[in-house]
Amino acid sequence: MGTPESSLANTASANEQPSTSALANNGATLAPEELLLAAQREQSKGNLQQARIDSLLEQPVNYMTPLTADYELYQTTPTDGYQIRGTWLYKDVSNGSLVTPTFMSIDSQSGEYLTLPEQTIVDAQSINDKFAAINFGEVEVRVNDKDYFGEFTLILEKATGMLFPLTENGEPIFYESALLNKHRSWYSNDRYSHIADNSRLYMVYGMRDGLHVASFNGEAFEIAKVIDDRNGAFVVDKLGNILRRPEWDSDVYIYVDAAGGPERQFREAEKPRLTLIDGEFHGVVNGSEIYKIEVGSRSLMFKPSRWKSKDYYIWSDWLRVGGYEFNQRCVIYRFDTKRKRITQQHDFSDGPVSAFAGDNTIWCVIGVGSDITRFIVFNMLDGSLKDFTLPGGTIWADASSTLTVISDEEARYSNQNNSVIYSIKADGTTRVVKMDAN
């Protein structure tokens, strides 16, 4: 297989119109029939160039520039100097420079990479350290030797740059992120930490439509439902096994094996709150008793954990990154991996909370009363805090369900009908990033 280099001429030259200076023939006067033949030749060249562009557009997209740790997905604004607002690029996290990703297709006959024209990215979201979801507009994809053209979601393997279609029932689909549809969301590492399995992708279609998983089948990421009702607490260990406490019976634990098979139910006298530590099932009782949970044939086994704490309380959702954890009350815990100690660092309990992570920051969004939204931005590198409030009765509801951290200094969220996208800087300033023409 060839290296990811262009085997065709630069497509920018293919977009140039034929030069009329070619008809001048160095200033010599041509007869009318010669002029007609020259014009026909130029038209033929133009047709061939357009045919080349059309043929490239018909090639399935299956590669883009790898997304390394030095770069993050970034959506431009008019202040970046781009005429088209909302172009998705790569941003160098060290100096802020912007890089346009290159798109390619692996030729099915030669195995060589063909450089493609720039593709339209509608939306993008990092899911975990290995994968990102890229929503394309008018893109060609291939599934089971069949080509499809339209709006589709492709999964980017960050390290290699390979793109794989997201499919359901063997056909490619378009899956909106939370920024575009608050009832759909990826369980991404920047928002949730109760899934330790990075080999598969987890998602929700609707508020009561269960938990879905997308597994790689060698060609695409195929979606399947793994839990009918995702309400209630659940955790997924590093092997993809699921343990949950359903909302309809708090005495019951349900185990779903990653290898398949029927669900197994356990009714237990012990009722620790579920969490994950080191990618394994754990439970916490009264903030100080931490157990490692093992699944037996007839019961769960609760064994004392090496981890200790005096005040570690679990809520239904939490976010753990960089050795810190935020829970749903904006309480910050520090995980000391050497001493196996969990200690409380800050407590900003001030109303309902959602937490979101950047590369080096964690953002807490807190609803305060009916018309105030409070933001806490915690820097994991130096432990500094930024605390500010914004007025407006809808900010909390919108930001809590759709907020996405763009960088350590910026987050974005959309309004109730997803027609406007707002930007919030870590210094408390806001602006409109995108507004639908309709």
Protein backbone atom coordinates (compact mmCIF):
# COMPACT_ATOMS: atom_id res chain seq x y z
CA MET A 1 0.00 0.00 0.00
CA GLY A 2 1.31 3.44 -0.86
CA THR A 3 2.10 6.19 1.55
CA PRO A 4 -0.48 8.94 2.18
CA GLU A 5 0.85 11.23 -0.51
CA SER A 6 -0.96 12.60 -3.51
CA SER A 7 -0.63 10.51 -6.67
CA LEU A 8 -2.55 13.11 -8.67
CA ALA A 9 -1.80 16.72 -9.47
CA ASN A 10 -2.78 19.33 -6.92
CA THR A 11 -6.54 19.73 -7.13
CA ALA A 12 -6.23 23.49 -6.69
CA SER A 13 -4.87 23.72 -10.26
CA ALA A 14 -7.84 21.70 -11.49
CA ASN A 15 -10.15 24.44 -10.28
CA GLU A 16 -8.44 27.12 -12.39
CA GLN A 17 -10.26 28.16 -15.56
CA PRO A 18 -8.47 27.75 -18.91
CA SER A 19 -6.36 30.80 -19.75
CA THR A 20 -7.55 32.78 -22.76
CA SER A 21 -3.95 33.79 -23.42
CA ALA A 22 -3.41 30.35 -24.94
CA LEU A 23 -5.63 31.39 -27.87
CA ALA A 24 -3.41 34.34 -28.70
CA ASN A 25 -0.63 32.05 -30.02
CA ASN A 26 2.10 34.54 -29.13
CA GLY A 27 0.23 37.40 -30.78
CA ALA A 28 -0.13 35.75 -34.20
CA THR A 29 -3.40 36.21 -36.08
CA LEU A 30 -5.35 32.97 -36.48
CA ALA A 31 -7.97 32.13 -39.05
CA PRO A 32 -11.55 31.69 -37.75
CA GLU A 33 -11.42 27.90 -38.18
CA GLU A 34 -8.11 27.81 -36.26
CA LEU A 35 -9.63 29.90 -33.48
CA LEU A 36 -12.56 27.48 -33.32
CA LEU A 37 -10.24 24.46 -33.09
CA ALA A 38 -8.15 26.13 -30.39
CA ALA A 39 -11.26 26.97 -28.39
CA GLN A 40 -12.49 23.40 -28.72
CA ARG A 41 -9.13 22.10 -27.48
CA GLU A 42 -9.28 24.43 -24.46
CA GLN A 43 -12.86 23.36 -23.79
CA SER A 44 -11.78 19.72 -23.97
CA LYS A 45 -9.01 20.42 -21.43
CA GLY A 46 -11.54 22.11 -19.16
CA ASN A 47 -13.89 19.15 -19.47
CA LEU A 48 -11.07 16.75 -18.61
CA GLN A 49 -10.11 18.84 -15.59
CA GLN A 50 -13.72 18.95 -14.40
CA ALA A 51 -14.03 15.21 -15.01
CA ARG A 52 -10.96 14.69 -12.84
CA ILE A 53 -12.55 16.74 -10.04
CA ASP A 54 -15.83 14.87 -10.43
CA SER A 55 -14.03 11.53 -10.34
CA LEU A 56 -12.23 12.56 -7.15
CA LEU A 57 -15.49 13.62 -5.53
CA GLU A 58 -16.85 10.18 -6.33
CA GLN A 59 -14.02 8.47 -4.45
CA PRO A 60 -14.88 7.28 -0.93
CA VAL A 61 -13.18 9.31 1.80
CA ASN A 62 -11.27 7.02 4.13
CA TYR A 63 -8.28 9.04 5.32
CA MET A 64 -7.57 12.48 6.76
CA THR A 65 -4.57 14.01 8.49
CA PRO A 66 -3.96 12.19 11.80
CA LEU A 67 -5.06 14.12 14.89
CA THR A 68 -2.03 13.98 17.18
CA ALA A 69 -1.80 15.07 20.79
CA ASP A 70 -0.34 18.40 19.64
CA TYR A 71 -3.56 19.37 17.88
CA GLU A 72 -7.25 19.69 18.68
CA LEU A 73 -10.36 19.96 16.51
CA TYR A 74 -11.25 23.62 16.10
CA GLN A 75 -14.14 25.44 14.45
CA THR A 76 -13.15 28.81 13.02
CA THR A 77 -14.89 32.14 13.55
CA PRO A 78 -14.68 35.39 11.50
CA THR A 79 -11.90 36.63 13.81
CA ASP A 80 -9.68 33.80 12.53
CA GLY A 81 -9.63 35.43 9.09
CA TYR A 82 -11.78 32.84 7.34
CA GLN A 83 -14.59 34.11 5.14
CA ILE A 84 -16.65 30.97 5.72
CA ARG A 85 -17.59 30.88 9.39
CA GLY A 86 -17.53 27.48 11.03
CA THR A 87 -14.76 25.77 9.04
CA TRP A 88 -13.34 22.83 11.00
CA LEU A 89 -9.54 22.74 11.16
CA TYR A 90 -6.75 21.47 13.40
CA LYS A 91 -5.41 23.92 15.95
CA ASP A 92 -1.89 23.65 17.38
CA VAL A 93 -2.44 23.72 21.15
CA SER A 94 1.04 25.18 21.77
CA ASN A 95 0.87 28.27 19.55
CA GLY A 96 -2.70 28.51 18.24
CA SER A 97 -1.77 28.10 14.56
CA LEU A 98 -4.41 26.55 12.32
CA VAL A 99 -3.86 23.65 9.92
CA THR A 100 -6.22 22.48 7.19
CA PRO A 101 -6.49 18.66 7.25
CA THR A 102 -5.83 16.76 4.04
CA PHE A 103 -8.41 14.23 2.83
CA MET A 104 -7.55 11.12 0.82
CA SER A 105 -9.01 7.95 -0.62
CA ILE A 106 -7.33 4.57 -0.90
CA ASP A 107 -7.66 3.47 -4.51
CA SER A 108 -9.26 0.03 -4.56
CA GLN A 109 -7.24 -1.03 -7.62
CA SER A 110 -3.73 0.30 -7.00
CA GLY A 111 -3.77 0.64 -3.22
CA GLU A 112 -2.36 4.15 -3.58
CA TYR A 113 -3.69 7.20 -1.76
CA LEU A 114 -5.49 9.77 -3.91
CA THR A 115 -5.61 13.33 -2.62
CA LEU A 116 -9.21 14.56 -2.59
CA PRO A 117 -10.69 18.07 -2.69
CA GLU A 118 -11.41 19.67 0.69
CA GLN A 119 -14.43 18.06 2.36
CA THR A 120 -17.23 19.84 4.22
CA ILE A 121 -17.26 19.09 7.95
CA VAL A 122 -20.61 19.90 9.56
CA ASP A 123 -19.69 18.99 13.11
CA ALA A 124 -16.89 17.21 14.96
CA GLN A 125 -16.37 15.80 18.44
CA SER A 126 -13.53 14.05 20.19
CA ILE A 127 -14.86 10.87 21.84
CA ASN A 128 -11.78 9.52 23.60
CA ASP A 129 -8.01 9.35 23.19
CA LYS A 130 -8.33 7.01 20.21
CA PHE A 131 -11.38 8.20 18.24
CA ALA A 132 -13.27 11.29 17.11
CA ALA A 133 -16.63 11.52 15.32
CA ILE A 134 -16.62 13.68 12.17
CA ASN A 135 -19.97 14.61 10.58
CA PHE A 136 -19.55 15.31 6.86
CA GLY A 137 -21.85 17.02 4.39
CA GLU A 138 -22.07 15.55 0.87
CA VAL A 139 -19.40 12.92 1.21
CA GLU A 140 -18.82 9.62 -0.59
CA VAL A 141 -18.45 6.52 1.60
CA ARG A 142 -18.24 2.81 0.80
CA VAL A 143 -19.84 0.04 2.85
CA ASN A 144 -19.97 -3.62 1.76
CA ASP A 145 -18.66 -2.68 -1.71
CA LYS A 146 -21.53 -0.24 -2.20
CA ASP A 147 -21.01 3.52 -2.55
CA TYR A 148 -23.22 6.06 -0.77
CA PHE A 149 -23.28 9.84 -1.23
CA GLY A 150 -24.79 12.24 1.31
CA GLU A 151 -24.40 13.47 4.88
CA PHE A 152 -22.68 10.78 6.95
CA THR A 153 -20.74 10.35 10.17
CA LEU A 154 -17.24 8.93 9.91
CA ILE A 155 -15.12 7.80 12.85
CA LEU A 156 -11.56 9.12 12.81
CA GLU A 157 -8.86 6.91 14.28
CA LYS A 158 -6.67 9.73 15.56
CA ALA A 159 -3.28 8.02 15.45
CA THR A 160 -3.54 6.74 11.86
CA GLY A 161 -5.94 9.20 10.20
CA MET A 162 -8.14 6.36 8.94
CA LEU A 163 -11.85 7.13 8.58
CA PHE A 164 -14.56 4.50 9.05
CA PRO A 165 -18.30 4.93 8.39
CA LEU A 166 -20.77 4.77 11.27
CA THR A 167 -23.42 2.25 10.20
CA GLU A 168 -26.73 0.85 11.36
CA ASN A 169 -28.17 -2.29 9.78
CA GLY A 170 -25.22 -2.25 7.39
CA GLU A 171 -25.87 1.24 5.99
CA PRO A 172 -24.08 4.54 6.75
CA ILE A 173 -25.86 7.07 8.97
CA PHE A 174 -25.51 10.66 10.16
CA TYR A 175 -25.38 10.99 13.94
CA GLU A 176 -25.68 14.48 15.40
CA SER A 177 -23.64 15.41 18.45
CA ALA A 178 -25.05 17.06 21.57
CA LEU A 179 -24.15 20.50 20.21
CA LEU A 180 -26.65 19.97 17.37
CA ASN A 181 -29.16 17.72 19.15
CA LYS A 182 -29.31 17.70 22.94
CA HIS A 183 -31.18 14.36 22.96
CA ARG A 184 -28.28 12.61 21.26
CA SER A 185 -24.79 12.40 22.59
CA TRP A 186 -21.62 10.38 22.53
CA TYR A 187 -20.36 9.16 25.86
CA SER A 188 -17.12 11.06 25.40
CA ASN A 189 -14.16 11.32 27.74
CA ASP A 190 -14.61 15.08 27.99
CA ARG A 191 -18.01 14.68 29.65
CA TYR A 192 -18.37 11.19 31.17
CA SER A 193 -16.03 8.87 33.07
CA HIS A 194 -18.20 5.85 33.82
CA ILE A 195 -17.05 4.05 30.66
CA ALA A 196 -13.51 2.61 30.67
CA ASP A 197 -13.82 0.67 27.40
CA ASN A 198 -11.99 2.60 24.66
CA SER A 199 -12.24 -0.14 22.01
CA ARG A 200 -15.94 0.53 21.34
CA LEU A 201 -17.96 3.74 21.11
CA TYR A 202 -20.99 4.40 23.31
CA MET A 203 -23.90 6.65 22.48
CA VAL A 204 -27.53 7.48 23.24
CA TYR A 205 -30.22 8.09 20.64
CA GLY A 206 -32.83 9.66 22.91
CA MET A 207 -33.57 10.31 26.54
CA ARG A 208 -35.31 6.93 26.91
CA ASP A 209 -33.99 4.97 23.98
CA GLY A 210 -31.34 2.96 25.77
CA LEU A 211 -27.59 2.70 25.53
CA HIS A 212 -26.06 1.88 22.14
CA VAL A 213 -22.56 0.71 21.30
CA ALA A 214 -20.70 1.01 18.00
CA SER A 215 -18.26 -1.85 17.41
CA PHE A 216 -15.67 -2.09 14.64
CA ASN A 217 -16.38 -4.95 12.22
CA GLY A 218 -13.31 -4.55 10.03
CA GLU A 219 -14.86 -1.97 7.72
CA ALA A 220 -17.17 0.25 9.76
CA PHE A 221 -18.48 0.96 13.25
CA GLU A 222 -21.84 -0.84 13.45
CA ILE A 223 -24.40 0.30 16.03
CA ALA A 224 -26.30 -2.08 18.32
CA LYS A 225 -28.37 -1.54 21.45
CA VAL A 226 -26.93 -3.02 24.66
CA ILE A 227 -29.33 -1.61 27.28
CA ASP A 228 -33.03 -0.97 26.67
CA ASP A 229 -33.37 1.56 29.48
CA ARG A 230 -30.27 3.53 30.40
CA ASN A 231 -31.94 5.33 33.32
CA GLY A 232 -30.24 4.57 36.60
CA ALA A 233 -26.53 4.26 37.39
CA PHE A 234 -24.28 2.16 35.17
CA VAL A 235 -20.56 1.64 34.63
CA VAL A 236 -18.62 -0.07 31.82
CA ASP A 237 -15.26 -1.63 32.73
CA LYS A 238 -12.18 -1.65 30.51
CA LEU A 239 -13.26 -4.97 28.93
CA GLY A 240 -16.70 -3.65 27.94
CA ASN A 241 -18.69 -5.45 30.65
CA ILE A 242 -21.59 -3.43 32.08
CA LEU A 243 -22.85 -3.29 35.67
CA ARG A 244 -25.86 -1.18 36.50
CA ARG A 245 -28.48 -0.40 39.11
CA PRO A 246 -31.78 0.19 37.31
CA GLU A 247 -33.98 3.07 38.33
CA TRP A 248 -36.98 0.77 38.87
CA ASP A 249 -35.34 -1.27 41.68
CA SER A 250 -32.39 0.04 43.70
CA ASP A 251 -31.82 -3.38 45.32
CA VAL A 252 -31.01 -5.00 41.98
CA TYR A 253 -27.71 -5.03 40.07
CA ILE A 254 -27.72 -6.10 36.41
CA TYR A 255 -24.62 -7.45 34.69
CA VAL A 256 -24.20 -7.45 30.90
CA ASP A 257 -21.22 -9.41 29.58
CA ALA A 258 -19.29 -7.81 26.71
CA ALA A 259 -19.15 -11.19 25.00
CA GLY A 260 -22.95 -11.34 24.80
CA GLY A 261 -25.53 -13.60 26.37
CA PRO A 262 -28.51 -12.82 28.60
CA GLU A 263 -28.45 -10.21 31.36
CA ARG A 264 -27.77 -11.51 34.86
CA GLN A 265 -29.56 -10.00 37.84
CA PHE A 266 -28.29 -9.95 41.41
CA ARG A 267 -30.26 -8.82 44.47
CA GLU A 268 -27.79 -7.69 47.11
CA ALA A 269 -28.02 -6.57 50.73
CA GLU A 270 -25.00 -4.33 50.20
CA LYS A 271 -25.90 -1.30 48.07
CA PRO A 272 -22.73 0.64 47.27
CA ARG A 273 -22.87 3.38 44.67
CA LEU A 274 -21.15 2.31 41.47
CA THR A 275 -17.93 3.81 40.17
CA LEU A 276 -14.82 2.85 38.21
CA ILE A 277 -11.27 2.89 39.51
CA ASP A 278 -8.38 1.66 37.35
CA GLY A 279 -10.99 0.58 34.79
CA GLU A 280 -12.60 -1.92 37.19
CA PHE A 281 -15.95 -2.07 38.98
CA HIS A 282 -15.92 -0.42 42.41
CA GLY A 283 -18.56 0.62 44.92
CA VAL A 284 -18.60 3.31 47.62
CA VAL A 285 -20.61 3.33 50.87
CA ASN A 286 -20.97 6.42 53.11
CA GLY A 287 -18.08 8.20 51.41
CA SER A 288 -15.41 6.16 53.19
CA GLU A 289 -15.91 2.45 52.42
CA ILE A 290 -14.57 1.58 48.99
CA TYR A 291 -15.00 -1.92 47.56
CA LYS A 292 -13.78 -3.67 44.46
CA ILE A 293 -16.74 -5.50 42.89
CA GLU A 294 -16.26 -8.89 41.27
CA VAL A 295 -19.03 -10.74 39.44
CA GLY A 296 -19.62 -14.29 40.60
CA SER A 297 -21.89 -16.95 39.18
CA ARG A 298 -24.69 -16.30 41.70
CA SER A 299 -23.77 -13.10 43.49
CA LEU A 300 -21.55 -10.05 43.48
CA MET A 301 -18.46 -10.10 45.68
CA PHE A 302 -17.50 -6.89 47.50
CA LYS A 303 -13.82 -6.88 48.46
CA PRO A 304 -12.06 -4.03 50.32
CA SER A 305 -10.23 -1.84 47.84
CA ARG A 306 -6.68 -0.55 48.14
CA TRP A 307 -8.13 2.92 47.60
CA LYS A 308 -9.08 4.91 50.71
CA SER A 309 -11.04 8.09 51.38
CA LYS A 310 -12.88 9.94 54.11
CA ASP A 311 -15.32 11.93 52.01
CA TYR A 312 -15.68 10.45 48.51
CA TYR A 313 -19.34 10.60 47.47
CA ILE A 314 -20.64 9.21 44.17
CA TRP A 315 -23.36 10.84 42.07
CA SER A 316 -25.01 9.48 38.95
CA ASP A 317 -22.56 11.19 36.59
CA TRP A 318 -19.00 12.24 37.18
CA LEU A 319 -16.01 13.38 35.19
CA ARG A 320 -12.50 12.17 36.00
CA VAL A 321 -9.48 13.44 34.10
CA GLY A 322 -5.88 14.34 34.87
CA GLY A 323 -6.05 12.88 38.36
CA TYR A 324 -9.12 14.96 39.31
CA GLU A 325 -12.82 14.19 39.47
CA PHE A 326 -15.83 16.52 39.33
CA ASN A 327 -19.19 15.16 40.42
CA GLN A 328 -22.68 16.50 39.75
CA ARG A 329 -22.47 18.92 42.65
CA CYS A 330 -19.19 20.43 41.42
CA VAL A 331 -17.18 18.83 44.19
CA ILE A 332 -13.57 18.33 43.09
CA TYR A 333 -11.62 15.26 44.24
CA ARG A 334 -7.92 14.51 43.80
CA PHE A 335 -6.85 10.92 43.03
CA ASP A 336 -3.37 10.18 44.37
CA THR A 337 -2.28 7.04 42.47
CA LYS A 338 0.85 6.50 44.58
CA ARG A 339 -0.84 6.63 47.98
CA LYS A 340 -4.18 5.28 46.67
CA ARG A 341 -5.97 8.16 48.40
CA ILE A 342 -9.01 10.17 47.26
CA THR A 343 -9.26 13.60 48.89
CA GLN A 344 -11.73 16.44 48.45
CA GLN A 345 -10.17 19.62 47.05
CA HIS A 346 -13.10 22.02 46.52
CA ASP A 347 -16.85 22.03 47.06
CA PHE A 348 -18.89 24.41 44.90
CA SER A 349 -22.30 22.87 45.64
CA ASP A 350 -24.61 25.62 44.45
CA GLY A 351 -27.41 24.05 42.44
CA PRO A 352 -27.64 21.53 39.57
CA VAL A 353 -24.31 20.93 37.84
CA SER A 354 -22.81 19.57 34.62
CA ALA A 355 -19.07 19.13 34.15
CA PHE A 356 -17.01 19.15 30.95
CA ALA A 357 -13.28 18.67 30.29
CA GLY A 358 -10.75 20.41 28.09
CA ASP A 359 -7.17 19.28 27.64
CA ASN A 360 -6.00 20.85 30.90
CA THR A 361 -9.19 22.33 32.35
CA ILE A 362 -12.51 21.13 33.75
CA TRP A 363 -15.57 23.36 33.39
CA CYS A 364 -18.49 23.22 35.80
CA VAL A 365 -21.82 24.74 34.73
CA ILE A 366 -24.10 25.48 37.68
CA GLY A 367 -27.73 26.60 37.59
CA VAL A 368 -28.23 29.28 40.26
CA GLY A 369 -31.89 30.22 40.68
CA SER A 370 -33.92 30.94 37.55
CA ASP A 371 -31.81 33.57 35.82
CA ILE A 372 -28.14 33.08 36.77
CA THR A 373 -25.63 30.57 35.47
CA ARG A 374 -22.33 30.11 37.27
CA PHE A 375 -19.18 28.78 35.62
CA ILE A 376 -16.19 27.27 37.43
CA VAL A 377 -13.07 26.67 35.31
CA PHE A 378 -10.44 24.56 37.10
CA ASN A 379 -6.92 24.34 35.68
CA MET A 380 -5.48 20.88 36.38
CA LEU A 381 -1.89 21.98 35.66
CA ASP A 382 -1.55 24.66 38.32
CA GLY A 383 -4.73 24.19 40.40
CA SER A 384 -6.01 27.70 39.63
CA LEU A 385 -9.72 28.52 39.49
CA LYS A 386 -11.83 30.97 37.50
CA ASP A 387 -15.30 31.65 38.88
CA PHE A 388 -17.82 33.84 37.02
CA THR A 389 -21.55 34.16 36.46
CA LEU A 390 -23.65 35.04 33.43
CA PRO A 391 -27.23 36.36 33.49
CA GLY A 392 -29.97 34.81 31.40
CA GLY A 393 -32.65 32.29 32.25
CA THR A 394 -31.91 29.85 29.41
CA ILE A 395 -28.13 29.62 29.72
CA TRP A 396 -28.20 26.87 32.34
CA ALA A 397 -30.65 24.64 30.46
CA ASP A 398 -28.85 25.11 27.16
CA ALA A 399 -25.28 24.85 28.41
CA SER A 400 -25.91 21.88 30.68
CA SER A 401 -27.12 19.71 27.80
CA THR A 402 -25.11 20.93 24.79
CA LEU A 403 -21.92 22.54 26.11
CA THR A 404 -18.72 21.40 24.41
CA VAL A 405 -15.25 22.46 25.51
CA ILE A 406 -13.38 23.74 22.44
CA SER A 407 -10.12 24.55 24.21
CA ASP A 408 -8.85 25.30 27.69
CA GLU A 409 -9.99 28.90 27.18
CA GLU A 410 -13.30 28.41 25.34
CA ALA A 411 -16.51 26.41 25.53
CA ARG A 412 -19.60 26.52 23.30
CA TYR A 413 -23.26 25.65 23.65
CA SER A 414 -26.41 25.94 21.53
CA ASN A 415 -29.85 27.26 22.40
CA GLN A 416 -33.01 25.19 22.82
CA ASN A 417 -33.78 24.79 19.12
CA ASN A 418 -30.08 24.58 18.14
CA SER A 419 -30.37 27.63 15.87
CA VAL A 420 -27.68 29.67 17.64
CA ILE A 421 -24.27 28.56 18.95
CA TYR A 422 -22.67 30.67 21.66
CA SER A 423 -19.04 30.90 22.73
CA ILE A 424 -17.96 31.43 26.34
CA LYS A 425 -14.39 32.40 27.17
CA ALA A 426 -12.79 31.43 30.47
CA ASP A 427 -12.72 35.13 31.36
CA GLY A 428 -16.53 35.28 31.23
CA THR A 429 -16.96 37.00 27.84
CA THR A 430 -19.53 35.59 25.40
CA ARG A 431 -20.32 35.94 21.70
CA VAL A 432 -22.41 34.34 18.97
CA VAL A 433 -20.41 31.90 16.84
CA LYS A 434 -23.09 30.63 14.47
CA MET A 435 -26.66 31.60 13.69
CA ASP A 436 -28.94 29.84 11.21
CA ALA A 437 -30.13 32.02 8.37
CA ASN A 438 -33.66 30.71 8.89
